[in-house]
């Protein structure tokens, strides 16, 4: 059997259509890959750093919190409670799975809306799947204003006397 050089043989119309289709398909795939690369490149140039919250912030003057009152700071995820003996701060992050807890006006407990844990105003667990109490955060008094340090936990009986 003799070998035939297929470049010398004229192509049929069906073969030409198939080549055009495959050429368009390949060009489209390369175009999509190029667009995807450009989008990823632009995304790479955008800053992707998370903007972290301040680990130290001023709450205000102690007199602004009435005795027995609770100041809820949702953005900072902190409750500042003024008891009879002093002021303390509790993290509002549930110790079960890290959900943000809620405290309603006039309520005597803090509740996790996701899984049902309940804490008293001292941070002790009343019910639910959480096993650890809400941590107390360090408070200092600077220039007559309460400052919360969210990265520093203190003992459960620590109070800022005002």
N, C-alpha and C. Protein backbone atom coordinates (compact mmCIF):
# COMPACT_ATOMS: atom_id res chain seq x y z
N UNK A 1 0.83 -1.15 0.00
CA UNK A 1 0.00 0.00 0.00
C UNK A 1 0.90 1.24 0.00
N UNK A 2 0.62 2.11 -0.86
CA UNK A 2 1.43 3.30 -1.02
C UNK A 2 0.95 4.39 -0.07
N UNK A 3 1.88 5.15 0.47
CA UNK A 3 1.55 6.26 1.33
C UNK A 3 1.09 7.45 0.49
N UNK A 4 0.08 8.15 0.98
CA UNK A 4 -0.45 9.29 0.25
C UNK A 4 -0.16 10.54 1.09
N UNK A 5 0.38 11.54 0.47
CA UNK A 5 0.60 12.82 1.14
C UNK A 5 -0.72 13.57 1.13
N UNK A 6 -1.34 13.69 2.32
CA UNK A 6 -2.66 14.28 2.38
C UNK A 6 -2.66 15.80 2.19
N UNK A 7 -1.48 16.44 2.15
CA UNK A 7 -1.44 17.87 1.87
C UNK A 7 -1.67 18.13 0.38
N UNK A 8 -1.38 17.11 -0.43
CA UNK A 8 -1.59 17.27 -1.87
C UNK A 8 -3.04 17.02 -2.28
N UNK A 9 -3.78 16.33 -1.39
CA UNK A 9 -5.16 15.99 -1.72
C UNK A 9 -6.05 17.18 -1.33
N UNK A 10 -6.91 17.63 -2.19
CA UNK A 10 -7.79 18.75 -1.84
C UNK A 10 -8.79 18.32 -0.76
N UNK A 11 -9.10 19.29 0.14
CA UNK A 11 -10.03 19.03 1.24
C UNK A 11 -11.45 19.20 0.76
N UNK A 12 -12.31 18.40 1.38
CA UNK A 12 -13.73 18.53 1.06
C UNK A 12 -14.31 19.68 1.89
N UNK A 13 -15.53 20.07 1.56
CA UNK A 13 -16.19 21.16 2.28
C UNK A 13 -16.44 20.78 3.74
N UNK A 14 -16.76 19.53 4.03
CA UNK A 14 -17.00 19.06 5.42
C UNK A 14 -15.72 19.18 6.24
N UNK A 15 -14.58 18.83 5.66
CA UNK A 15 -13.31 18.94 6.39
C UNK A 15 -12.98 20.41 6.66
N UNK A 16 -13.23 21.29 5.74
CA UNK A 16 -12.99 22.72 5.95
C UNK A 16 -13.87 23.27 7.07
N UNK A 17 -15.14 22.89 7.09
CA UNK A 17 -16.04 23.33 8.14
C UNK A 17 -15.58 22.82 9.50
N UNK A 18 -15.14 21.55 9.55
CA UNK A 18 -14.66 20.99 10.81
C UNK A 18 -13.43 21.74 11.29
N UNK A 19 -12.51 22.06 10.42
CA UNK A 19 -11.30 22.81 10.80
C UNK A 19 -11.65 24.22 11.28
N UNK A 20 -12.57 24.87 10.60
CA UNK A 20 -13.00 26.21 11.05
C UNK A 20 -13.62 26.14 12.45
N UNK A 21 -14.49 25.15 12.66
CA UNK A 21 -15.15 24.99 13.96
C UNK A 21 -14.11 24.74 15.07
N UNK A 22 -13.17 23.84 14.81
CA UNK A 22 -12.14 23.56 15.81
C UNK A 22 -11.24 24.76 16.05
N UNK A 23 -10.96 25.53 15.00
CA UNK A 23 -10.18 26.75 15.16
C UNK A 23 -10.91 27.78 16.01
N UNK A 24 -12.21 27.97 15.78
CA UNK A 24 -13.01 28.88 16.59
C UNK A 24 -13.10 28.39 18.04
N UNK A 25 -13.27 27.10 18.23
CA UNK A 25 -13.35 26.54 19.58
C UNK A 25 -12.04 26.76 20.34
N UNK A 26 -10.93 26.52 19.70
CA UNK A 26 -9.62 26.75 20.33
C UNK A 26 -9.38 28.21 20.63
N UNK A 27 -9.75 29.11 19.70
CA UNK A 27 -9.59 30.55 19.93
C UNK A 27 -10.46 31.02 21.09
N UNK A 28 -11.68 30.51 21.17
CA UNK A 28 -12.57 30.86 22.27
C UNK A 28 -12.02 30.40 23.62
N UNK A 29 -11.47 29.20 23.66
CA UNK A 29 -10.88 28.68 24.90
C UNK A 29 -9.68 29.53 25.32
N UNK A 30 -8.84 29.91 24.38
CA UNK A 30 -7.69 30.77 24.70
C UNK A 30 -8.16 32.15 25.17
N UNK A 31 -9.21 32.68 24.54
CA UNK A 31 -9.75 33.98 24.95
C UNK A 31 -10.29 33.93 26.36
N UNK A 32 -11.05 32.89 26.70
CA UNK A 32 -11.58 32.74 28.06
C UNK A 32 -10.45 32.58 29.09
N UNK A 33 -9.43 31.82 28.74
CA UNK A 33 -8.29 31.66 29.65
C UNK A 33 -7.58 32.99 29.86
N UNK A 34 -7.46 33.80 28.80
CA UNK A 34 -6.83 35.11 28.92
C UNK A 34 -7.64 36.05 29.81
N UNK A 35 -8.97 36.04 29.63
CA UNK A 35 -9.83 36.89 30.46
C UNK A 35 -9.76 36.45 31.92
N UNK A 36 -9.78 35.14 32.15
CA UNK A 36 -9.66 34.63 33.52
C UNK A 36 -8.34 35.02 34.16
N UNK A 37 -7.27 34.99 33.41
CA UNK A 37 -5.97 35.39 33.92
C UNK A 37 -5.95 36.88 34.26
N UNK A 38 -6.58 37.70 33.41
CA UNK A 38 -6.62 39.13 33.69
C UNK A 38 -7.44 39.42 34.95
N UNK A 39 -8.57 38.75 35.11
CA UNK A 39 -9.40 38.95 36.30
C UNK A 39 -8.63 38.54 37.55
N UNK A 40 -7.95 37.40 37.49
CA UNK A 40 -7.16 36.96 38.64
C UNK A 40 -6.01 37.93 38.93
N UNK A 41 -5.41 38.48 37.89
CA UNK A 41 -4.33 39.45 38.08
C UNK A 41 -4.80 40.73 38.73
N UNK A 42 -5.96 41.22 38.31
CA UNK A 42 -6.52 42.42 38.92
C UNK A 42 -6.88 42.13 40.38
N UNK A 43 -7.46 40.96 40.65
CA UNK A 43 -7.78 40.58 42.02
C UNK A 43 -6.54 40.45 42.88
N UNK A 44 -5.44 40.05 42.31
CA UNK A 44 -4.18 39.93 43.04
C UNK A 44 -3.65 41.30 43.45
N UNK A 45 -3.89 42.31 42.61
CA UNK A 45 -3.40 43.65 42.91
C UNK A 45 -4.23 44.35 44.00
N UNK A 46 -5.48 43.92 44.20
CA UNK A 46 -6.32 44.50 45.25
C UNK A 46 -5.82 44.01 46.61
N UNK A 47 -5.78 44.87 47.61
CA UNK A 47 -5.37 44.40 48.94
C UNK A 47 -6.40 43.43 49.51
N UNK A 48 -5.92 42.33 50.04
CA UNK A 48 -6.80 41.29 50.55
C UNK A 48 -6.61 41.11 52.06
N UNK A 49 -6.06 42.10 52.72
CA UNK A 49 -5.81 42.01 54.15
C UNK A 49 -7.10 42.28 54.91
N UNK A 50 -7.40 41.45 55.90
CA UNK A 50 -8.59 41.73 56.70
C UNK A 50 -8.35 42.95 57.59
N UNK A 51 -9.36 43.76 57.73
CA UNK A 51 -9.25 44.92 58.59
C UNK A 51 -9.67 44.50 59.99
N UNK A 52 -8.70 44.36 60.85
CA UNK A 52 -8.97 43.87 62.19
C UNK A 52 -9.44 45.01 63.09
N UNK A 53 -10.24 44.62 64.04
CA UNK A 53 -10.74 45.59 64.99
C UNK A 53 -9.64 45.97 65.96
N UNK A 54 -9.80 47.12 66.55
CA UNK A 54 -8.83 47.57 67.55
C UNK A 54 -8.89 46.64 68.75
N UNK A 55 -7.75 46.36 69.34
CA UNK A 55 -7.70 45.48 70.51
C UNK A 55 -7.81 46.28 71.80
N UNK A 56 -7.86 47.58 71.67
CA UNK A 56 -7.96 48.47 72.83
C UNK A 56 -8.83 49.64 72.42
N UNK A 57 -9.88 49.90 73.19
CA UNK A 57 -10.75 51.01 72.83
C UNK A 57 -11.35 51.64 74.08
N UNK A 58 -11.71 52.91 73.95
CA UNK A 58 -12.26 53.69 75.05
C UNK A 58 -13.77 53.53 75.05
N UNK A 59 -14.33 53.24 76.22
CA UNK A 59 -15.78 53.08 76.37
C UNK A 59 -16.43 54.39 76.76
N UNK A 60 -15.84 55.08 77.69
CA UNK A 60 -16.41 56.33 78.18
C UNK A 60 -16.23 56.44 79.68
N UNK A 61 -16.89 57.40 80.25
CA UNK A 61 -16.77 57.64 81.69
C UNK A 61 -17.62 56.62 82.45
N UNK A 62 -17.15 56.18 83.61
CA UNK A 62 -17.91 55.19 84.40
C UNK A 62 -19.29 55.69 84.80
N UNK A 63 -19.43 56.99 85.00
CA UNK A 63 -20.72 57.54 85.41
C UNK A 63 -21.79 57.38 84.33
N UNK A 64 -21.36 57.17 83.10
CA UNK A 64 -22.31 57.03 82.00
C UNK A 64 -23.07 55.70 82.06
N UNK A 65 -22.53 54.74 82.79
CA UNK A 65 -23.19 53.45 82.94
C UNK A 65 -23.87 53.42 84.30
N UNK A 66 -25.17 53.26 84.31
CA UNK A 66 -25.91 53.26 85.57
C UNK A 66 -25.61 51.98 86.34
N UNK A 67 -25.60 52.02 87.67
CA UNK A 67 -25.38 50.79 88.45
C UNK A 67 -26.41 49.73 88.08
N UNK A 68 -25.93 48.54 87.80
CA UNK A 68 -26.79 47.45 87.35
C UNK A 68 -27.04 47.48 85.85
N UNK A 69 -26.47 48.44 85.15
CA UNK A 69 -26.68 48.58 83.72
C UNK A 69 -25.64 47.83 82.89
N UNK A 70 -26.00 47.59 81.65
CA UNK A 70 -25.12 46.88 80.72
C UNK A 70 -24.97 47.74 79.47
N UNK A 71 -23.73 47.98 79.07
CA UNK A 71 -23.43 48.69 77.84
C UNK A 71 -23.04 47.65 76.80
N UNK A 72 -23.82 47.51 75.74
CA UNK A 72 -23.56 46.52 74.70
C UNK A 72 -22.82 47.19 73.56
N UNK A 73 -21.63 46.70 73.27
CA UNK A 73 -20.82 47.21 72.16
C UNK A 73 -20.73 46.11 71.10
N UNK A 74 -21.65 46.15 70.14
CA UNK A 74 -21.77 45.06 69.16
C UNK A 74 -20.56 44.96 68.24
N UNK A 75 -20.08 46.10 67.77
CA UNK A 75 -18.94 46.07 66.85
C UNK A 75 -17.70 45.48 67.50
N UNK A 76 -17.48 45.82 68.76
CA UNK A 76 -16.30 45.34 69.48
C UNK A 76 -16.55 43.98 70.14
N UNK A 77 -17.80 43.52 70.14
CA UNK A 77 -18.19 42.24 70.73
C UNK A 77 -17.87 42.18 72.22
N UNK A 78 -18.36 43.19 72.92
CA UNK A 78 -18.08 43.32 74.34
C UNK A 78 -19.32 43.82 75.07
N UNK A 79 -19.53 43.30 76.29
CA UNK A 79 -20.51 43.86 77.21
C UNK A 79 -19.73 44.49 78.35
N UNK A 80 -20.08 45.73 78.69
CA UNK A 80 -19.50 46.39 79.86
C UNK A 80 -20.61 46.48 80.89
N UNK A 81 -20.39 45.85 82.03
CA UNK A 81 -21.42 45.74 83.07
C UNK A 81 -20.96 46.53 84.28
N UNK A 82 -21.89 47.31 84.83
CA UNK A 82 -21.57 48.03 86.06
C UNK A 82 -22.38 47.41 87.19
N UNK A 83 -21.67 46.72 88.07
CA UNK A 83 -22.31 46.13 89.23
C UNK A 83 -22.24 47.10 90.40
N UNK A 84 -22.63 46.62 91.58
CA UNK A 84 -22.61 47.47 92.77
C UNK A 84 -21.18 47.77 93.22
N UNK A 85 -20.26 46.80 93.03
CA UNK A 85 -18.90 46.97 93.51
C UNK A 85 -17.95 47.57 92.48
N UNK A 86 -18.31 47.52 91.20
CA UNK A 86 -17.42 48.04 90.18
C UNK A 86 -17.88 47.68 88.78
N UNK A 87 -16.98 47.86 87.84
CA UNK A 87 -17.27 47.64 86.42
C UNK A 87 -16.42 46.48 85.92
N UNK A 88 -17.01 45.66 85.04
CA UNK A 88 -16.25 44.59 84.39
C UNK A 88 -16.74 44.45 82.95
N UNK A 89 -15.92 43.81 82.13
CA UNK A 89 -16.25 43.62 80.72
C UNK A 89 -16.27 42.13 80.42
N UNK A 90 -17.28 41.72 79.64
CA UNK A 90 -17.40 40.33 79.20
C UNK A 90 -17.32 40.29 77.68
N UNK A 91 -16.67 39.27 77.16
CA UNK A 91 -16.68 39.05 75.72
C UNK A 91 -18.07 38.59 75.33
N UNK A 92 -18.59 39.05 74.21
CA UNK A 92 -19.91 38.62 73.77
C UNK A 92 -19.84 37.45 72.80
N UNK A 93 -18.66 36.85 72.65
CA UNK A 93 -18.48 35.70 71.77
C UNK A 93 -18.75 34.43 72.57
N UNK A 94 -19.72 33.64 72.12
CA UNK A 94 -20.10 32.42 72.82
C UNK A 94 -18.93 31.44 72.83
N UNK A 95 -18.75 30.78 73.96
CA UNK A 95 -17.63 29.84 74.11
C UNK A 95 -17.93 28.49 73.49
N UNK A 96 -19.13 28.29 72.97
CA UNK A 96 -19.47 27.03 72.33
C UNK A 96 -18.87 26.95 70.93
N UNK A 97 -19.33 27.80 70.02
CA UNK A 97 -18.83 27.78 68.64
C UNK A 97 -18.46 29.15 68.11
N UNK A 98 -18.39 30.15 68.97
CA UNK A 98 -17.93 31.46 68.54
C UNK A 98 -19.00 32.37 67.96
N UNK A 99 -20.26 32.06 68.18
CA UNK A 99 -21.34 32.94 67.73
C UNK A 99 -21.37 34.19 68.62
N UNK A 100 -21.96 35.25 68.12
CA UNK A 100 -22.09 36.47 68.92
C UNK A 100 -23.39 36.39 69.70
N UNK A 101 -23.29 36.55 71.01
CA UNK A 101 -24.46 36.45 71.89
C UNK A 101 -25.26 37.74 71.86
N UNK A 102 -26.43 37.70 72.49
CA UNK A 102 -27.32 38.86 72.55
C UNK A 102 -27.75 39.11 73.98
N UNK A 103 -27.88 40.38 74.30
CA UNK A 103 -28.43 40.79 75.60
C UNK A 103 -29.46 41.86 75.32
N UNK A 104 -30.69 41.58 75.71
CA UNK A 104 -31.77 42.54 75.48
C UNK A 104 -31.91 43.48 76.65
N UNK A 105 -32.46 44.63 76.38
CA UNK A 105 -32.68 45.64 77.41
C UNK A 105 -33.59 45.08 78.50
N UNK A 106 -33.16 45.17 79.74
CA UNK A 106 -33.95 44.69 80.86
C UNK A 106 -33.84 43.20 81.11
N UNK A 107 -33.08 42.48 80.32
CA UNK A 107 -32.92 41.04 80.53
C UNK A 107 -31.84 40.79 81.57
N UNK A 108 -31.95 39.66 82.25
CA UNK A 108 -30.97 39.30 83.26
C UNK A 108 -30.05 38.19 82.80
N UNK A 109 -30.08 37.89 81.51
CA UNK A 109 -29.18 36.87 80.98
C UNK A 109 -28.74 37.22 79.57
N UNK A 110 -27.66 36.57 79.17
CA UNK A 110 -27.09 36.73 77.84
C UNK A 110 -27.36 35.42 77.11
N UNK A 111 -27.88 35.49 75.88
CA UNK A 111 -28.31 34.30 75.15
C UNK A 111 -27.60 34.21 73.81
N UNK A 112 -27.21 32.98 73.45
CA UNK A 112 -26.66 32.72 72.12
C UNK A 112 -27.82 32.35 71.21
N UNK A 113 -28.13 33.16 70.19
CA UNK A 113 -29.29 32.87 69.35
C UNK A 113 -29.09 31.68 68.41
N UNK A 114 -27.87 31.25 68.23
CA UNK A 114 -27.60 30.17 67.28
C UNK A 114 -27.86 28.78 67.87
N UNK A 115 -27.33 28.54 69.07
CA UNK A 115 -27.39 27.19 69.63
C UNK A 115 -28.05 27.13 70.99
N UNK A 116 -28.51 28.27 71.52
CA UNK A 116 -29.31 28.26 72.72
C UNK A 116 -28.58 28.31 74.04
N UNK A 117 -27.30 28.55 74.06
CA UNK A 117 -26.60 28.69 75.34
C UNK A 117 -27.09 29.95 76.04
N UNK A 118 -27.11 29.90 77.37
CA UNK A 118 -27.52 31.07 78.15
C UNK A 118 -26.49 31.29 79.25
N UNK A 119 -26.19 32.56 79.50
CA UNK A 119 -25.19 32.95 80.49
C UNK A 119 -25.82 33.99 81.42
N UNK A 120 -25.40 34.00 82.69
CA UNK A 120 -25.88 35.07 83.57
C UNK A 120 -25.02 36.31 83.35
N UNK A 121 -25.31 37.37 84.06
CA UNK A 121 -24.61 38.62 83.84
C UNK A 121 -23.18 38.61 84.37
N UNK A 122 -22.79 37.54 85.05
CA UNK A 122 -21.40 37.37 85.46
C UNK A 122 -20.62 36.56 84.42
N UNK A 123 -21.33 36.03 83.42
CA UNK A 123 -20.71 35.23 82.37
C UNK A 123 -20.77 33.74 82.62
N UNK A 124 -21.36 33.30 83.74
CA UNK A 124 -21.47 31.88 84.06
C UNK A 124 -22.51 31.22 83.17
N UNK A 125 -22.28 29.95 82.82
CA UNK A 125 -23.19 29.20 81.96
C UNK A 125 -24.43 28.81 82.75
N UNK A 126 -25.59 29.17 82.21
CA UNK A 126 -26.87 28.77 82.82
C UNK A 126 -27.43 27.53 82.13
N UNK A 127 -27.35 27.48 80.80
CA UNK A 127 -27.85 26.33 80.06
C UNK A 127 -27.24 26.32 78.67
N UNK A 128 -27.45 25.19 77.99
CA UNK A 128 -27.04 25.09 76.61
C UNK A 128 -25.78 24.29 76.39
N UNK A 129 -25.35 24.22 75.17
CA UNK A 129 -24.17 23.41 74.87
C UNK A 129 -22.84 24.03 75.31
N UNK A 130 -22.80 25.32 75.59
CA UNK A 130 -21.54 25.94 76.03
C UNK A 130 -21.16 25.39 77.40
N UNK A 131 -19.88 25.09 77.57
CA UNK A 131 -19.41 24.55 78.85
C UNK A 131 -18.55 25.54 79.62
N UNK A 132 -18.00 26.50 78.90
CA UNK A 132 -17.13 27.48 79.56
C UNK A 132 -17.85 28.81 79.65
N UNK A 133 -17.55 29.56 80.68
CA UNK A 133 -18.16 30.87 80.89
C UNK A 133 -17.60 31.89 79.90
N UNK A 134 -18.30 33.00 79.76
CA UNK A 134 -17.80 34.09 78.92
C UNK A 134 -16.59 34.71 79.61
N UNK A 135 -15.50 34.91 78.89
CA UNK A 135 -14.31 35.45 79.55
C UNK A 135 -14.45 36.93 79.90
N UNK A 136 -13.85 37.29 81.02
CA UNK A 136 -13.77 38.70 81.40
C UNK A 136 -12.55 39.31 80.74
N UNK A 137 -12.71 40.54 80.32
CA UNK A 137 -11.63 41.24 79.65
C UNK A 137 -11.06 42.31 80.57
N UNK A 138 -9.81 42.64 80.34
CA UNK A 138 -9.14 43.63 81.19
C UNK A 138 -9.71 45.02 80.95
N UNK A 139 -9.93 45.73 82.04
CA UNK A 139 -10.36 47.12 82.00
C UNK A 139 -9.34 47.97 82.73
N UNK A 140 -9.09 49.16 82.21
CA UNK A 140 -8.26 50.13 82.91
C UNK A 140 -8.98 51.47 82.88
N UNK A 141 -8.56 52.34 83.77
CA UNK A 141 -9.12 53.69 83.83
C UNK A 141 -8.01 54.65 83.43
N UNK A 142 -8.20 55.30 82.29
CA UNK A 142 -7.19 56.23 81.77
C UNK A 142 -7.84 57.58 81.54
N UNK A 143 -7.32 58.61 82.19
CA UNK A 143 -7.84 59.97 82.09
C UNK A 143 -9.34 60.02 82.41
N UNK A 144 -9.75 59.22 83.37
CA UNK A 144 -11.14 59.23 83.80
C UNK A 144 -12.09 58.44 82.92
N UNK A 145 -11.57 57.71 81.91
CA UNK A 145 -12.42 56.94 81.00
C UNK A 145 -12.04 55.46 81.06
N UNK A 146 -13.05 54.61 80.88
CA UNK A 146 -12.84 53.16 80.89
C UNK A 146 -12.26 52.74 79.55
N UNK A 147 -11.20 51.93 79.60
CA UNK A 147 -10.56 51.40 78.40
C UNK A 147 -10.63 49.87 78.47
N UNK A 148 -11.13 49.23 77.41
CA UNK A 148 -11.23 47.78 77.33
C UNK A 148 -10.07 47.26 76.50
N UNK A 149 -9.42 46.21 77.01
CA UNK A 149 -8.33 45.53 76.30
C UNK A 149 -8.85 44.15 75.90
N UNK A 150 -9.24 43.98 74.65
CA UNK A 150 -9.91 42.74 74.22
C UNK A 150 -8.98 41.54 74.11
N UNK A 151 -7.68 41.75 74.07
CA UNK A 151 -6.76 40.61 73.95
C UNK A 151 -6.26 40.13 75.30
N UNK A 152 -6.66 40.77 76.37
CA UNK A 152 -6.18 40.41 77.71
C UNK A 152 -7.35 39.98 78.59
N UNK A 153 -7.36 38.70 78.93
CA UNK A 153 -8.40 38.18 79.83
C UNK A 153 -7.92 38.26 81.27
N UNK A 154 -8.87 38.43 82.17
CA UNK A 154 -8.55 38.53 83.60
C UNK A 154 -9.35 37.49 84.36
N UNK A 155 -9.07 37.36 85.67
CA UNK A 155 -9.81 36.41 86.51
C UNK A 155 -11.28 36.77 86.57
N UNK A 156 -12.09 35.78 86.92
CA UNK A 156 -13.54 35.94 86.91
C UNK A 156 -14.05 36.86 88.00
N UNK A 157 -13.23 37.20 88.99
CA UNK A 157 -13.70 38.08 90.05
C UNK A 157 -13.06 39.47 89.97
N UNK A 158 -12.37 39.77 88.87
CA UNK A 158 -11.69 41.04 88.72
C UNK A 158 -12.69 42.13 88.37
N UNK A 159 -12.62 43.24 89.12
CA UNK A 159 -13.49 44.39 88.88
C UNK A 159 -12.64 45.65 88.78
N UNK A 160 -13.13 46.60 88.04
CA UNK A 160 -12.54 47.92 88.02
C UNK A 160 -13.36 48.77 88.98
N UNK A 161 -12.77 49.12 90.09
CA UNK A 161 -13.51 49.88 91.10
C UNK A 161 -13.59 51.35 90.68
N UNK A 162 -14.80 51.87 90.68
CA UNK A 162 -15.01 53.28 90.29
C UNK A 162 -15.77 54.01 91.36
